[in-house]
Amino acid sequence: MSDPSPIASALTDDFLQVSRHQLQTHLGRIEVCLGRLSDAQIWSRRHEVENAVGNLVLHLCGNIDQWILGGVGGAPVSRDRDAEFARRDPLPSDELAGRLHAVVGEADAVLARLTPADLTGSRRIQGFEVSVLHAIYHVVEHLAGHAGQIIWATKRLTGADLGFYAFIKDGTRPEGQQP
């Protein structure tokens, strides 16, 4: 196979840089939320059809493990998706944060190794035939969606502004910080 074009390399680098940044940004926001909530709040739900924050974190760990570590990186996966949502026995916030932090760190390492040719490679993940690029996009989008739910739940449970966008009002955004 020939070397990728400069444009393909630049697009790959940008896509992977943005994807890795977004994984870290959403991880950081979820960690803030877990730090603001008591264990009881993390596992609370008003209705049985509602997911507790703790279940969402377990679900994110399973999804990232299956799609990036296993699907893209080739690591063995033994996911029980139903158990992620069924769990009612609480795990402490620091354990949840540690699990998510670890799996995002491992995913970041997988993404750091990818090349332009890797992005167009095909993988069968969770019954879907997808490109590596698609798998990464799926995980970033999935993490963003559930991070939004966790942020909303944290605001509902604490009544507090989490300050994630305070820099817009006060102009303190660090130089070079991406959206």
C-alpha atoms as a PDB file:
ATOM      1  CA  MET A   1       0.000   0.000   0.000  1.00  0.00           C
ATOM      2  CA  SER A   2       1.278   3.467  -0.825  1.00  0.00           C
ATOM      3  CA  ASP A   3       1.861   6.198   1.686  1.00  0.00           C
ATOM      4  CA  PRO A   4      -1.243   8.257   2.434  1.00  0.00           C
ATOM      5  CA  SER A   5      -1.571  11.628   0.784  1.00  0.00           C
ATOM      6  CA  PRO A   6      -0.764  14.709   2.848  1.00  0.00           C
ATOM      7  CA  ILE A   7      -4.477  15.558   2.845  1.00  0.00           C
ATOM      8  CA  ALA A   8      -5.452  12.088   4.138  1.00  0.00           C
ATOM      9  CA  SER A   9      -2.805  12.331   6.839  1.00  0.00           C
ATOM     10  CA  ALA A  10      -3.960  15.814   7.859  1.00  0.00           C
ATOM     11  CA  LEU A  11      -7.617  14.736   7.974  1.00  0.00           C
ATOM     12  CA  THR A  12      -6.754  11.643   9.984  1.00  0.00           C
ATOM     13  CA  ASP A  13      -4.660  13.638  12.425  1.00  0.00           C
ATOM     14  CA  ASP A  14      -7.397  16.251  12.865  1.00  0.00           C
ATOM     15  CA  PHE A  15     -10.192  13.695  13.225  1.00  0.00           C
ATOM     16  CA  LEU A  16      -8.248  11.701  15.809  1.00  0.00           C
ATOM     17  CA  GLN A  17      -7.103  14.804  17.702  1.00  0.00           C
ATOM     18  CA  VAL A  18     -10.669  16.132  17.920  1.00  0.00           C
ATOM     19  CA  SER A  19     -12.038  12.690  18.858  1.00  0.00           C
ATOM     20  CA  ARG A  20      -9.450  12.216  21.597  1.00  0.00           C
ATOM     21  CA  HIS A  21     -10.089  15.742  22.895  1.00  0.00           C
ATOM     22  CA  GLN A  22     -13.841  15.153  22.996  1.00  0.00           C
ATOM     23  CA  LEU A  23     -13.415  11.873  24.908  1.00  0.00           C
ATOM     24  CA  GLN A  24     -11.287  13.689  27.499  1.00  0.00           C
ATOM     25  CA  THR A  25     -13.675  16.665  27.702  1.00  0.00           C
ATOM     26  CA  HIS A  26     -16.728  14.490  28.311  1.00  0.00           C
ATOM     27  CA  LEU A  27     -14.800  12.320  30.763  1.00  0.00           C
ATOM     28  CA  GLY A  28     -13.814  15.433  32.724  1.00  0.00           C
ATOM     29  CA  ARG A  29     -17.384  16.698  32.852  1.00  0.00           C
ATOM     30  CA  ILE A  30     -18.709  13.331  34.012  1.00  0.00           C
ATOM     31  CA  GLU A  31     -16.007  13.200  36.697  1.00  0.00           C
ATOM     32  CA  VAL A  32     -17.100  16.659  37.900  1.00  0.00           C
ATOM     33  CA  CYS A  33     -20.691  15.416  38.086  1.00  0.00           C
ATOM     34  CA  LEU A  34     -19.733  12.278  39.998  1.00  0.00           C
ATOM     35  CA  GLY A  35     -17.773  14.469  42.416  1.00  0.00           C
ATOM     36  CA  ARG A  36     -20.819  16.667  43.054  1.00  0.00           C
ATOM     37  CA  LEU A  37     -23.257  13.815  43.688  1.00  0.00           C
ATOM     38  CA  SER A  38     -23.610  11.566  46.701  1.00  0.00           C
ATOM     39  CA  ASP A  39     -23.630   7.830  46.100  1.00  0.00           C
ATOM     40  CA  ALA A  40     -27.355   7.851  46.837  1.00  0.00           C
ATOM     41  CA  GLN A  41     -27.911  10.516  44.158  1.00  0.00           C
ATOM     42  CA  ILE A  42     -25.748   8.638  41.642  1.00  0.00           C
ATOM     43  CA  TRP A  43     -27.986   5.586  41.961  1.00  0.00           C
ATOM     44  CA  SER A  44     -31.327   7.360  42.341  1.00  0.00           C
ATOM     45  CA  ARG A  45     -34.103   7.185  39.796  1.00  0.00           C
ATOM     46  CA  ARG A  46     -37.610   8.577  39.905  1.00  0.00           C
ATOM     47  CA  HIS A  47     -39.030   5.815  37.719  1.00  0.00           C
ATOM     48  CA  GLU A  48     -37.952   2.325  36.731  1.00  0.00           C
ATOM     49  CA  VAL A  49     -37.670   3.409  33.102  1.00  0.00           C
ATOM     50  CA  GLU A  50     -35.190   6.130  34.068  1.00  0.00           C
ATOM     51  CA  ASN A  51     -31.483   5.317  34.118  1.00  0.00           C
ATOM     52  CA  ALA A  52     -29.481   6.244  37.186  1.00  0.00           C
ATOM     53  CA  VAL A  53     -26.240   8.156  36.618  1.00  0.00           C
ATOM     54  CA  GLY A  54     -24.353   5.095  37.873  1.00  0.00           C
ATOM     55  CA  ASN A  55     -25.963   2.883  35.243  1.00  0.00           C
ATOM     56  CA  LEU A  56     -25.090   5.384  32.526  1.00  0.00           C
ATOM     57  CA  VAL A  57     -21.437   5.372  33.593  1.00  0.00           C
ATOM     58  CA  LEU A  58     -21.335   1.565  33.562  1.00  0.00           C
ATOM     59  CA  HIS A  59     -22.985   1.625  30.138  1.00  0.00           C
ATOM     60  CA  LEU A  60     -20.400   4.072  28.805  1.00  0.00           C
ATOM     61  CA  CYS A  61     -17.583   1.879  30.082  1.00  0.00           C
ATOM     62  CA  GLY A  62     -19.091  -1.126  28.316  1.00  0.00           C
ATOM     63  CA  ASN A  63     -19.665   0.773  25.088  1.00  0.00           C
ATOM     64  CA  ILE A  64     -16.136   2.196  24.910  1.00  0.00           C
ATOM     65  CA  ASP A  65     -14.680  -1.199  25.776  1.00  0.00           C
ATOM     66  CA  GLN A  66     -16.700  -2.961  23.093  1.00  0.00           C
ATOM     67  CA  TRP A  67     -16.372  -0.425  20.292  1.00  0.00           C
ATOM     68  CA  ILE A  68     -12.863   1.001  20.749  1.00  0.00           C
ATOM     69  CA  LEU A  69     -10.814  -1.421  22.842  1.00  0.00           C
ATOM     70  CA  GLY A  70     -12.335  -4.532  21.287  1.00  0.00           C
ATOM     71  CA  GLY A  71     -13.763  -3.437  17.973  1.00  0.00           C
ATOM     72  CA  VAL A  72     -10.992  -1.087  16.894  1.00  0.00           C
ATOM     73  CA  GLY A  73      -8.097  -2.257  19.067  1.00  0.00           C
ATOM     74  CA  GLY A  74      -8.755  -5.994  18.891  1.00  0.00           C
ATOM     75  CA  ALA A  75      -8.834  -6.615  22.662  1.00  0.00           C
ATOM     76  CA  PRO A  76     -11.109  -9.388  23.931  1.00  0.00           C
ATOM     77  CA  VAL A  77     -14.539  -8.167  25.029  1.00  0.00           C
ATOM     78  CA  SER A  78     -16.932  -9.810  27.462  1.00  0.00           C
ATOM     79  CA  ARG A  79     -19.659  -7.217  27.786  1.00  0.00           C
ATOM     80  CA  ASP A  80     -23.021  -7.755  29.468  1.00  0.00           C
ATOM     81  CA  ARG A  81     -24.939  -4.710  28.214  1.00  0.00           C
ATOM     82  CA  ASP A  82     -28.156  -5.636  30.021  1.00  0.00           C
ATOM     83  CA  ALA A  83     -26.296  -5.816  33.347  1.00  0.00           C
ATOM     84  CA  GLU A  84     -25.081  -2.229  32.866  1.00  0.00           C
ATOM     85  CA  PHE A  85     -28.666  -1.024  33.095  1.00  0.00           C
ATOM     86  CA  ALA A  86     -29.983  -3.658  35.508  1.00  0.00           C
ATOM     87  CA  ARG A  87     -27.533  -2.963  38.334  1.00  0.00           C
ATOM     88  CA  ARG A  88     -29.206  -1.628  41.456  1.00  0.00           C
ATOM     89  CA  ASP A  89     -26.435  -2.442  43.941  1.00  0.00           C
ATOM     90  CA  PRO A  90     -24.520   0.866  44.134  1.00  0.00           C
ATOM     91  CA  LEU A  91     -20.852   1.292  43.380  1.00  0.00           C
ATOM     92  CA  PRO A  92     -19.133   4.289  45.019  1.00  0.00           C
ATOM     93  CA  SER A  93     -18.529   7.374  42.883  1.00  0.00           C
ATOM     94  CA  ASP A  94     -14.753   7.025  43.013  1.00  0.00           C
ATOM     95  CA  GLU A  95     -14.958   3.475  41.643  1.00  0.00           C
ATOM     96  CA  LEU A  96     -17.265   4.575  38.814  1.00  0.00           C
ATOM     97  CA  ALA A  97     -14.993   7.504  37.978  1.00  0.00           C
ATOM     98  CA  GLY A  98     -11.959   5.227  38.086  1.00  0.00           C
ATOM     99  CA  ARG A  99     -13.530   2.719  35.717  1.00  0.00           C
ATOM    100  CA  LEU A 100     -14.522   5.396  33.224  1.00  0.00           C
ATOM    101  CA  HIS A 101     -11.170   7.139  33.497  1.00  0.00           C
ATOM    102  CA  ALA A 102      -9.336   3.850  32.846  1.00  0.00           C
ATOM    103  CA  VAL A 103     -11.386   2.835  29.800  1.00  0.00           C
ATOM    104  CA  VAL A 104     -11.130   6.315  28.246  1.00  0.00           C
ATOM    105  CA  GLY A 105      -7.370   6.227  28.833  1.00  0.00           C
ATOM    106  CA  GLU A 106      -7.110   2.853  27.115  1.00  0.00           C
ATOM    107  CA  ALA A 107      -9.277   4.098  24.244  1.00  0.00           C
ATOM    108  CA  ASP A 108      -7.060   7.151  23.880  1.00  0.00           C
ATOM    109  CA  ALA A 109      -4.031   4.867  23.540  1.00  0.00           C
ATOM    110  CA  VAL A 110      -5.786   2.877  20.796  1.00  0.00           C
ATOM    111  CA  LEU A 111      -6.706   6.064  18.921  1.00  0.00           C
ATOM    112  CA  ALA A 112      -3.154   7.414  19.244  1.00  0.00           C
ATOM    113  CA  ARG A 113      -1.843   4.443  17.237  1.00  0.00           C
ATOM    114  CA  LEU A 114      -4.199   4.732  14.256  1.00  0.00           C
ATOM    115  CA  THR A 115      -3.173   5.663  10.714  1.00  0.00           C
ATOM    116  CA  PRO A 116      -5.171   6.955   7.727  1.00  0.00           C
ATOM    117  CA  ALA A 117      -5.393   3.413   6.360  1.00  0.00           C
ATOM    118  CA  ASP A 118      -6.766   2.160   9.687  1.00  0.00           C
ATOM    119  CA  LEU A 119      -9.723   4.562   9.581  1.00  0.00           C
ATOM    120  CA  THR A 120     -11.179   2.971   6.482  1.00  0.00           C
ATOM    121  CA  GLY A 121     -10.680  -0.561   7.745  1.00  0.00           C
ATOM    122  CA  SER A 122     -13.825  -2.600   8.362  1.00  0.00           C
ATOM    123  CA  ARG A 123     -14.851  -4.054  11.722  1.00  0.00           C
ATOM    124  CA  ARG A 124     -17.849  -6.050  12.920  1.00  0.00           C
ATOM    125  CA  ILE A 125     -18.927  -4.528  16.233  1.00  0.00           C
ATOM    126  CA  GLN A 126     -22.113  -5.330  18.142  1.00  0.00           C
ATOM    127  CA  GLY A 127     -23.500  -6.943  15.000  1.00  0.00           C
ATOM    128  CA  PHE A 128     -22.768  -3.937  12.754  1.00  0.00           C
ATOM    129  CA  GLU A 129     -20.275  -3.840   9.885  1.00  0.00           C
ATOM    130  CA  VAL A 130     -18.610  -0.423  10.243  1.00  0.00           C
ATOM    131  CA  SER A 131     -15.421   1.399   9.356  1.00  0.00           C
ATOM    132  CA  VAL A 132     -13.001   2.283  12.140  1.00  0.00           C
ATOM    133  CA  LEU A 133     -13.876   5.949  11.543  1.00  0.00           C
ATOM    134  CA  HIS A 134     -17.550   5.120  12.051  1.00  0.00           C
ATOM    135  CA  ALA A 135     -16.775   3.232  15.275  1.00  0.00           C
ATOM    136  CA  ILE A 136     -14.853   6.189  16.685  1.00  0.00           C
ATOM    137  CA  TYR A 137     -17.563   8.638  15.673  1.00  0.00           C
ATOM    138  CA  HIS A 138     -20.173   6.388  17.286  1.00  0.00           C
ATOM    139  CA  VAL A 139     -18.301   6.297  20.596  1.00  0.00           C
ATOM    140  CA  VAL A 140     -17.685  10.052  20.726  1.00  0.00           C
ATOM    141  CA  GLU A 141     -21.319  10.790  19.877  1.00  0.00           C
ATOM    142  CA  HIS A 142     -22.572   8.171  22.343  1.00  0.00           C
ATOM    143  CA  LEU A 143     -20.380   9.511  25.139  1.00  0.00           C
ATOM    144  CA  ALA A 144     -21.525  13.075  24.403  1.00  0.00           C
ATOM    145  CA  GLY A 145     -25.192  12.105  24.566  1.00  0.00           C
ATOM    146  CA  HIS A 146     -24.926  10.313  27.884  1.00  0.00           C
ATOM    147  CA  ALA A 147     -22.633  13.007  29.295  1.00  0.00           C
ATOM    148  CA  GLY A 148     -25.440  15.461  28.564  1.00  0.00           C
ATOM    149  CA  GLN A 149     -27.891  13.253  30.459  1.00  0.00           C
ATOM    150  CA  ILE A 150     -25.490  13.012  33.403  1.00  0.00           C
ATOM    151  CA  ILE A 151     -24.979  16.786  33.420  1.00  0.00           C
ATOM    152  CA  TRP A 152     -28.733  17.368  33.327  1.00  0.00           C
ATOM    153  CA  ALA A 153     -29.314  14.861  36.139  1.00  0.00           C
ATOM    154  CA  THR A 154     -26.571  16.482  38.222  1.00  0.00           C
ATOM    155  CA  LYS A 155     -28.128  19.916  37.795  1.00  0.00           C
ATOM    156  CA  ARG A 156     -31.561  18.490  38.666  1.00  0.00           C
ATOM    157  CA  LEU A 157     -30.250  16.715  41.763  1.00  0.00           C
ATOM    158  CA  THR A 158     -28.029  19.532  43.056  1.00  0.00           C
ATOM    159  CA  GLY A 159     -29.645  22.705  41.741  1.00  0.00           C
ATOM    160  CA  ALA A 160     -26.123  23.902  40.905  1.00  0.00           C
ATOM    161  CA  ASP A 161     -24.631  25.444  37.791  1.00  0.00           C
ATOM    162  CA  LEU A 162     -21.627  23.277  36.967  1.00  0.00           C
ATOM    163  CA  GLY A 163     -19.765  26.182  35.346  1.00  0.00           C
ATOM    164  CA  PHE A 164     -18.673  24.358  32.210  1.00  0.00           C
ATOM    165  CA  TYR A 165     -19.291  27.445  30.079  1.00  0.00           C
ATOM    166  CA  ALA A 166     -18.448  30.197  32.570  1.00  0.00           C
ATOM    167  CA  PHE A 167     -15.514  31.228  30.368  1.00  0.00           C
ATOM    168  CA  ILE A 168     -17.964  32.542  27.760  1.00  0.00           C
ATOM    169  CA  LYS A 169     -19.281  35.153  30.193  1.00  0.00           C
ATOM    170  CA  ASP A 170     -16.014  36.060  31.879  1.00  0.00           C
ATOM    171  CA  GLY A 171     -13.594  35.595  28.954  1.00  0.00           C
ATOM    172  CA  THR A 172     -11.256  33.267  30.862  1.00  0.00           C
ATOM    173  CA  ARG A 173     -11.041  30.526  28.245  1.00  0.00           C
ATOM    174  CA  PRO A 174      -7.473  29.294  28.270  1.00  0.00           C
ATOM    175  CA  GLU A 175      -5.601  29.999  25.044  1.00  0.00           C
ATOM    176  CA  GLY A 176      -5.750  27.074  22.664  1.00  0.00           C
ATOM    177  CA  GLN A 177      -8.701  25.418  24.418  1.00  0.00           C
ATOM    178  CA  GLN A 178     -10.945  23.719  21.887  1.00  0.00           C
ATOM    179  CA  PRO A 179     -14.738  23.838  22.069  1.00  0.00           C
END
